[in-house]
Amino acid sequence: MKAAVSDLLKQIPGEVTEDWPMGEPFVEALRHGSMSVELYAPKDTDVQTPHDQDELYFIHTGRGELIIAGERHLFEPGMVFFVPAHVEHRFENFSNDFAAWVVFWGPKGGES
């Protein structure tokens, strides 16, 4: 299995839904068992809600802030962040070129 950012970015924005009226700002790249990998590239505003699984964000491009449970973290390319399942988080003040790999894994509710 493999995925390339250049191919995935062509698929964003994705489907328009009630949750994503401007089109989905992500695309699934890989899946195996409980693990899935997505490329996430929101434009202007990040309106995501907490997820059922633990996740890692690998910052590919861009700079900004990631708020995790109310705590602000500056980010830049090459950084990685862990967000436990069901924890509020969002990206703010991010540059137009922002894109991150997101890895979800494990059981719903996260690992203990």
Protein backbone atom coordinates (compact mmCIF):
# COMPACT_ATOMS: atom_id res chain seq x y z
CA MET A 1 0.00 0.00 0.00
CA LYS A 2 1.14 3.54 -0.68
CA ALA A 3 -0.21 7.06 -1.01
CA ALA A 4 1.14 10.36 -2.35
CA VAL A 5 0.21 13.83 -1.12
CA SER A 6 0.13 15.18 -4.69
CA ASP A 7 -2.52 12.62 -5.72
CA LEU A 8 -4.59 13.04 -2.55
CA LEU A 9 -4.70 16.86 -2.66
CA LYS A 10 -6.44 16.62 -6.04
CA GLN A 11 -9.35 14.91 -4.24
CA ILE A 12 -9.85 17.70 -1.66
CA PRO A 13 -12.41 19.12 -1.16
CA GLY A 14 -14.40 15.94 -1.26
CA GLU A 15 -18.12 15.22 -0.94
CA VAL A 16 -20.41 17.98 0.31
CA THR A 17 -22.32 16.78 3.38
CA GLU A 18 -24.30 18.31 6.24
CA ASP A 19 -21.16 18.16 8.40
CA TRP A 20 -18.96 19.50 5.59
CA PRO A 21 -21.00 22.04 3.56
CA MET A 22 -17.83 23.25 1.79
CA GLY A 23 -16.80 19.68 0.94
CA GLU A 24 -14.84 17.18 3.01
CA PRO A 25 -11.37 18.61 3.80
CA PHE A 26 -9.84 15.13 3.98
CA VAL A 27 -9.37 12.01 1.92
CA GLU A 28 -8.61 8.48 3.08
CA ALA A 29 -5.21 7.28 1.86
CA LEU A 30 -4.83 3.83 3.44
CA ARG A 31 -6.78 1.40 5.63
CA HIS A 32 -5.79 -1.82 7.38
CA GLY A 33 -7.66 -3.36 10.31
CA SER A 34 -8.52 -0.62 12.81
CA MET A 35 -5.91 1.76 11.30
CA SER A 36 -6.72 4.39 8.71
CA VAL A 37 -4.57 7.16 7.27
CA GLU A 38 -6.03 10.36 5.85
CA LEU A 39 -4.68 13.56 4.41
CA TYR A 40 -6.38 16.54 6.10
CA ALA A 41 -6.27 19.95 4.40
CA PRO A 42 -9.00 22.32 5.61
CA LYS A 43 -9.38 25.77 4.05
CA ASP A 44 -9.93 28.87 6.20
CA THR A 45 -11.69 27.17 9.16
CA ASP A 46 -11.39 23.79 10.88
CA VAL A 47 -14.83 22.65 12.03
CA GLN A 48 -13.99 19.07 12.99
CA THR A 49 -15.45 17.43 16.07
CA PRO A 50 -13.83 14.85 18.39
CA HIS A 51 -13.23 11.38 16.97
CA ASP A 52 -14.03 7.92 18.30
CA GLN A 53 -10.44 6.68 17.93
CA ASP A 54 -7.03 7.87 19.10
CA GLU A 55 -5.20 9.82 16.41
CA LEU A 56 -1.85 11.22 15.38
CA TYR A 57 -1.39 14.35 13.27
CA PHE A 58 1.85 14.53 11.27
CA ILE A 59 2.21 18.09 9.97
CA HIS A 60 3.21 17.90 6.31
CA THR A 61 3.01 21.57 5.25
CA GLY A 62 1.94 24.85 6.78
CA ARG A 63 2.10 26.61 10.12
CA GLY A 64 -0.49 27.53 12.71
CA GLU A 65 -1.93 26.46 16.03
CA LEU A 66 -3.48 23.19 17.15
CA ILE A 67 -5.76 23.47 20.17
CA ILE A 68 -6.05 20.22 22.14
CA ALA A 69 -8.39 20.24 25.17
CA GLY A 70 -8.06 24.04 25.35
CA GLU A 71 -4.24 24.07 25.21
CA ARG A 72 -2.62 25.88 22.26
CA HIS A 73 0.36 24.38 20.43
CA LEU A 74 2.23 26.11 17.61
CA PHE A 75 2.92 23.77 14.70
CA GLU A 76 5.16 23.64 11.64
CA PRO A 77 6.19 20.96 9.14
CA GLY A 78 7.81 17.91 10.67
CA MET A 79 5.88 17.98 13.97
CA VAL A 80 3.57 15.25 15.29
CA PHE A 81 0.71 15.51 17.80
CA PHE A 82 -1.30 12.87 19.67
CA VAL A 83 -5.00 13.46 20.32
CA PRO A 84 -6.86 10.89 22.45
CA ALA A 85 -10.30 9.71 21.38
CA HIS A 86 -13.20 12.05 22.28
CA VAL A 87 -10.93 15.04 23.09
CA GLU A 88 -11.90 18.44 21.63
CA HIS A 89 -9.32 19.72 19.16
CA ARG A 90 -9.06 21.99 16.14
CA PHE A 91 -6.55 23.84 14.00
CA GLU A 92 -6.58 27.65 14.06
CA ASN A 93 -4.66 30.49 12.42
CA PHE A 94 -3.18 28.08 9.88
CA SER A 95 -1.52 29.03 6.61
CA ASN A 96 -3.17 28.40 3.23
CA ASP A 97 -0.78 25.54 2.47
CA PHE A 98 -1.65 23.56 5.63
CA ALA A 99 -1.91 19.78 5.19
CA ALA A 100 -1.43 16.99 7.73
CA TRP A 101 -1.36 13.22 7.66
CA VAL A 102 -3.83 11.82 10.20
CA VAL A 103 -3.54 8.28 11.56
CA PHE A 104 -6.51 6.75 13.40
CA TRP A 105 -6.20 3.39 15.13
CA GLY A 106 -7.49 1.17 17.90
CA PRO A 107 -10.87 0.60 19.45
CA LYS A 108 -13.64 3.17 19.67
CA GLY A 109 -13.06 5.18 22.82
CA GLY A 110 -9.27 4.88 22.43
CA GLU A 111 -6.70 2.68 24.07
CA SER A 112 -6.38 2.72 27.84
